[in-house]
C-alpha cells in the first residue's frame, strides 16, 4: 500500500482516486461475465450507483467513445472551445 495522502480537491489526486475506484469495479468478480462495453457499463453503473442501463452510463459511454481515439492536443482544443467534454 501507498502512504501518500490524497486530496480529492486536487485534480491529479482526484483522477488517481477515481481511477482506482473504477478499476476496483472493473476487476470485480461479478464484472468478469461482462465483455467489452458491458463491462464498462457495469463498472460505471456501479461507480455511480445508477446501474448499467442508466441515462448516466449511456452518456458516459457516448463521451468515452467520442474521446478514446483523440489525441491529447485534440482533447485540449475541445475543452478550450466547449469547457466540457460533456457538451455535444
N, C-alpha and C. Protein backbone atom coordinates (compact mmCIF):
# COMPACT_ATOMS: atom_id res chain seq x y z
N UNK A 1 0.82 -1.19 0.00
CA UNK A 1 0.00 0.00 0.00
C UNK A 1 0.85 1.24 0.00
N UNK A 2 0.27 2.30 -0.46
CA UNK A 2 0.96 3.58 -0.53
C UNK A 2 0.64 4.40 0.71
N UNK A 3 1.64 5.14 1.20
CA UNK A 3 1.44 6.00 2.35
C UNK A 3 1.03 7.41 1.95
N UNK A 4 0.90 7.67 0.65
CA UNK A 4 0.56 9.00 0.16
C UNK A 4 -0.84 9.39 0.58
N UNK A 5 -1.01 10.62 1.03
CA UNK A 5 -2.31 11.17 1.36
C UNK A 5 -2.86 11.86 0.12
N UNK A 6 -4.09 11.52 -0.24
CA UNK A 6 -4.71 12.11 -1.42
C UNK A 6 -5.67 13.23 -1.03
N UNK A 7 -5.64 14.29 -1.80
CA UNK A 7 -6.57 15.40 -1.63
C UNK A 7 -7.57 15.34 -2.78
N UNK A 8 -8.84 14.99 -2.52
CA UNK A 8 -9.81 14.85 -3.61
C UNK A 8 -10.09 16.15 -4.35
N UNK A 9 -9.68 17.29 -3.79
CA UNK A 9 -9.92 18.58 -4.45
C UNK A 9 -8.76 18.98 -5.37
N UNK A 10 -7.68 18.19 -5.35
CA UNK A 10 -6.55 18.42 -6.24
C UNK A 10 -6.75 17.54 -7.46
N UNK A 11 -6.68 18.13 -8.66
CA UNK A 11 -7.02 17.43 -9.89
C UNK A 11 -6.29 16.10 -10.04
N UNK A 12 -4.98 16.08 -9.87
CA UNK A 12 -4.21 14.86 -10.07
C UNK A 12 -4.62 13.77 -9.08
N UNK A 13 -4.81 14.16 -7.81
CA UNK A 13 -5.23 13.19 -6.79
C UNK A 13 -6.64 12.68 -7.08
N UNK A 14 -7.53 13.55 -7.49
CA UNK A 14 -8.90 13.17 -7.79
C UNK A 14 -8.94 12.14 -8.92
N UNK A 15 -8.14 12.35 -9.95
CA UNK A 15 -8.09 11.41 -11.07
C UNK A 15 -7.54 10.06 -10.60
N UNK A 16 -6.50 10.08 -9.78
CA UNK A 16 -5.93 8.82 -9.27
C UNK A 16 -6.95 8.06 -8.42
N UNK A 17 -7.64 8.78 -7.55
CA UNK A 17 -8.64 8.13 -6.69
C UNK A 17 -9.79 7.56 -7.52
N UNK A 18 -10.29 8.33 -8.48
CA UNK A 18 -11.37 7.86 -9.34
C UNK A 18 -10.95 6.66 -10.16
N UNK A 19 -9.73 6.68 -10.68
CA UNK A 19 -9.22 5.57 -11.47
C UNK A 19 -9.11 4.31 -10.63
N UNK A 20 -8.63 4.44 -9.41
CA UNK A 20 -8.53 3.28 -8.51
C UNK A 20 -9.91 2.71 -8.21
N UNK A 21 -10.86 3.58 -7.95
CA UNK A 21 -12.22 3.12 -7.64
C UNK A 21 -12.85 2.42 -8.83
N UNK A 22 -12.72 3.02 -10.01
CA UNK A 22 -13.28 2.40 -11.22
C UNK A 22 -12.60 1.06 -11.51
N UNK A 23 -11.30 0.98 -11.29
CA UNK A 23 -10.57 -0.26 -11.51
C UNK A 23 -11.08 -1.36 -10.58
N UNK A 24 -11.42 -0.97 -9.36
CA UNK A 24 -11.95 -1.94 -8.40
C UNK A 24 -13.23 -2.60 -8.93
N UNK A 25 -14.12 -1.81 -9.51
CA UNK A 25 -15.35 -2.36 -10.07
C UNK A 25 -15.06 -3.15 -11.34
N UNK A 26 -14.18 -2.62 -12.19
CA UNK A 26 -13.89 -3.27 -13.47
C UNK A 26 -13.34 -4.68 -13.26
N UNK A 27 -12.55 -4.86 -12.22
CA UNK A 27 -11.93 -6.16 -11.97
C UNK A 27 -12.70 -6.99 -10.94
N UNK A 28 -13.88 -6.53 -10.55
CA UNK A 28 -14.71 -7.26 -9.60
C UNK A 28 -15.15 -8.59 -10.22
N UNK A 29 -15.21 -9.67 -9.43
CA UNK A 29 -15.59 -10.98 -9.98
C UNK A 29 -16.93 -10.98 -10.72
N UNK A 30 -17.90 -10.21 -10.25
CA UNK A 30 -19.20 -10.16 -10.94
C UNK A 30 -19.09 -9.52 -12.32
N UNK A 31 -18.10 -8.64 -12.49
CA UNK A 31 -17.94 -7.96 -13.78
C UNK A 31 -17.27 -8.86 -14.80
N UNK A 32 -16.67 -9.97 -14.35
CA UNK A 32 -15.94 -10.83 -15.27
C UNK A 32 -16.83 -11.45 -16.34
N UNK A 33 -18.12 -11.55 -16.06
CA UNK A 33 -19.02 -12.13 -17.06
C UNK A 33 -19.36 -11.12 -18.16
N UNK A 34 -19.03 -9.85 -17.93
CA UNK A 34 -19.30 -8.82 -18.94
C UNK A 34 -18.10 -8.67 -19.86
N UNK A 35 -18.35 -8.45 -21.11
CA UNK A 35 -17.28 -8.26 -22.09
C UNK A 35 -17.42 -6.89 -22.74
N UNK A 36 -16.30 -6.29 -23.12
CA UNK A 36 -16.32 -5.03 -23.86
C UNK A 36 -17.12 -3.95 -23.18
N UNK A 37 -18.05 -3.35 -23.91
CA UNK A 37 -18.85 -2.25 -23.38
C UNK A 37 -19.70 -2.66 -22.19
N UNK A 38 -20.09 -3.92 -22.13
CA UNK A 38 -20.91 -4.37 -20.99
C UNK A 38 -20.12 -4.29 -19.70
N UNK A 39 -18.83 -4.60 -19.75
CA UNK A 39 -18.00 -4.48 -18.54
C UNK A 39 -17.88 -3.01 -18.14
N UNK A 40 -17.71 -2.14 -19.14
CA UNK A 40 -17.65 -0.70 -18.86
C UNK A 40 -18.98 -0.22 -18.29
N UNK A 41 -20.08 -0.67 -18.87
CA UNK A 41 -21.42 -0.28 -18.37
C UNK A 41 -21.58 -0.71 -16.91
N UNK A 42 -21.17 -1.93 -16.59
CA UNK A 42 -21.25 -2.43 -15.22
C UNK A 42 -20.41 -1.55 -14.29
N UNK A 43 -19.18 -1.29 -14.71
CA UNK A 43 -18.25 -0.51 -13.89
C UNK A 43 -18.80 0.88 -13.61
N UNK A 44 -19.20 1.59 -14.67
CA UNK A 44 -19.69 2.96 -14.48
C UNK A 44 -21.01 2.97 -13.73
N UNK A 45 -21.85 1.98 -13.98
CA UNK A 45 -23.11 1.89 -13.27
C UNK A 45 -22.93 1.65 -11.78
N UNK A 46 -21.99 0.78 -11.42
CA UNK A 46 -21.70 0.51 -10.01
C UNK A 46 -21.06 1.73 -9.36
N UNK A 47 -20.13 2.36 -10.07
CA UNK A 47 -19.43 3.53 -9.51
C UNK A 47 -20.42 4.65 -9.22
N UNK A 48 -21.37 4.85 -10.13
CA UNK A 48 -22.35 5.92 -9.98
C UNK A 48 -23.55 5.48 -9.16
N UNK A 49 -23.74 4.18 -9.02
CA UNK A 49 -24.89 3.67 -8.28
C UNK A 49 -26.17 3.68 -9.09
N UNK A 50 -26.05 3.84 -10.41
CA UNK A 50 -27.23 4.01 -11.26
C UNK A 50 -27.59 2.76 -12.05
N UNK A 51 -26.71 1.78 -12.12
CA UNK A 51 -26.97 0.59 -12.91
C UNK A 51 -26.45 0.70 -14.32
N UNK A 52 -26.23 -0.44 -14.99
CA UNK A 52 -25.57 -0.46 -16.30
C UNK A 52 -26.39 0.10 -17.47
N UNK A 53 -27.69 0.29 -17.29
CA UNK A 53 -28.53 0.78 -18.39
C UNK A 53 -29.04 2.20 -18.14
N UNK A 54 -28.49 2.88 -17.16
CA UNK A 54 -28.98 4.21 -16.79
C UNK A 54 -28.62 5.27 -17.84
N UNK A 55 -29.32 6.39 -17.76
CA UNK A 55 -29.03 7.53 -18.64
C UNK A 55 -27.58 7.99 -18.44
N UNK A 56 -27.13 7.98 -17.17
CA UNK A 56 -25.75 8.37 -16.86
C UNK A 56 -24.75 7.50 -17.61
N UNK A 57 -24.93 6.18 -17.55
CA UNK A 57 -24.00 5.26 -18.19
C UNK A 57 -24.03 5.43 -19.71
N UNK A 58 -25.21 5.63 -20.28
CA UNK A 58 -25.30 5.84 -21.73
C UNK A 58 -24.53 7.11 -22.13
N UNK A 59 -24.65 8.14 -21.31
CA UNK A 59 -23.96 9.39 -21.61
C UNK A 59 -22.44 9.23 -21.48
N UNK A 60 -21.99 8.56 -20.41
CA UNK A 60 -20.55 8.32 -20.22
C UNK A 60 -20.00 7.49 -21.37
N UNK A 61 -20.73 6.47 -21.78
CA UNK A 61 -20.28 5.63 -22.89
C UNK A 61 -20.17 6.43 -24.18
N UNK A 62 -21.11 7.35 -24.41
CA UNK A 62 -21.06 8.20 -25.60
C UNK A 62 -19.81 9.10 -25.57
N UNK A 63 -19.54 9.69 -24.42
CA UNK A 63 -18.35 10.55 -24.29
C UNK A 63 -17.09 9.72 -24.44
N UNK A 64 -17.04 8.57 -23.77
CA UNK A 64 -15.88 7.68 -23.87
C UNK A 64 -15.60 7.29 -25.31
N UNK A 65 -16.65 6.93 -26.05
CA UNK A 65 -16.50 6.54 -27.45
C UNK A 65 -15.97 7.70 -28.28
N UNK A 66 -16.44 8.91 -27.97
CA UNK A 66 -16.03 10.06 -28.77
C UNK A 66 -14.60 10.52 -28.48
N UNK A 67 -14.08 10.24 -27.29
CA UNK A 67 -12.73 10.74 -26.96
C UNK A 67 -11.64 9.68 -27.01
N UNK A 68 -11.98 8.41 -27.06
CA UNK A 68 -10.94 7.39 -26.93
C UNK A 68 -9.93 7.38 -28.07
N UNK A 69 -10.27 7.92 -29.22
CA UNK A 69 -9.33 7.93 -30.35
C UNK A 69 -8.69 9.30 -30.55
N UNK A 70 -9.05 10.27 -29.72
CA UNK A 70 -8.48 11.62 -29.88
C UNK A 70 -7.13 11.73 -29.19
N UNK A 71 -6.31 12.61 -29.72
CA UNK A 71 -5.01 12.88 -29.10
C UNK A 71 -5.21 13.87 -27.95
N UNK A 72 -4.20 14.02 -27.12
CA UNK A 72 -4.26 14.96 -26.02
C UNK A 72 -4.48 16.37 -26.55
N UNK A 73 -3.82 16.72 -27.64
CA UNK A 73 -3.98 18.06 -28.25
C UNK A 73 -5.43 18.29 -28.69
N UNK A 74 -6.03 17.28 -29.31
CA UNK A 74 -7.42 17.41 -29.75
C UNK A 74 -8.36 17.59 -28.55
N UNK A 75 -8.10 16.85 -27.48
CA UNK A 75 -8.93 16.99 -26.29
C UNK A 75 -8.76 18.36 -25.65
N UNK A 76 -7.54 18.88 -25.64
CA UNK A 76 -7.30 20.21 -25.09
C UNK A 76 -8.08 21.26 -25.89
N UNK A 77 -8.06 21.14 -27.21
CA UNK A 77 -8.81 22.09 -28.05
C UNK A 77 -10.30 22.00 -27.77
N UNK A 78 -10.82 20.78 -27.60
CA UNK A 78 -12.24 20.60 -27.29
C UNK A 78 -12.59 21.26 -25.97
N UNK A 79 -11.76 21.06 -24.96
CA UNK A 79 -12.02 21.65 -23.65
C UNK A 79 -11.92 23.17 -23.68
N UNK A 80 -10.95 23.70 -24.42
CA UNK A 80 -10.81 25.14 -24.54
C UNK A 80 -12.01 25.76 -25.24
N UNK A 81 -12.52 25.05 -26.23
CA UNK A 81 -13.64 25.55 -27.03
C UNK A 81 -14.98 25.43 -26.30
N UNK A 82 -15.23 24.27 -25.69
CA UNK A 82 -16.53 24.00 -25.09
C UNK A 82 -16.52 24.02 -23.56
N UNK A 83 -15.38 24.01 -22.95
CA UNK A 83 -15.21 23.99 -21.49
C UNK A 83 -15.65 22.68 -20.84
N UNK A 84 -16.11 21.73 -21.64
CA UNK A 84 -16.53 20.46 -21.06
C UNK A 84 -16.56 19.38 -22.13
N UNK A 85 -16.21 18.17 -21.74
CA UNK A 85 -16.31 17.05 -22.66
C UNK A 85 -17.76 16.59 -22.78
N UNK A 86 -18.60 17.00 -21.84
CA UNK A 86 -19.99 16.55 -21.83
C UNK A 86 -20.86 17.31 -22.82
N UNK A 87 -20.43 18.51 -23.21
CA UNK A 87 -21.22 19.31 -24.15
C UNK A 87 -21.08 18.70 -25.54
N UNK A 88 -22.21 18.49 -26.21
CA UNK A 88 -22.15 17.92 -27.55
C UNK A 88 -23.04 18.69 -28.49
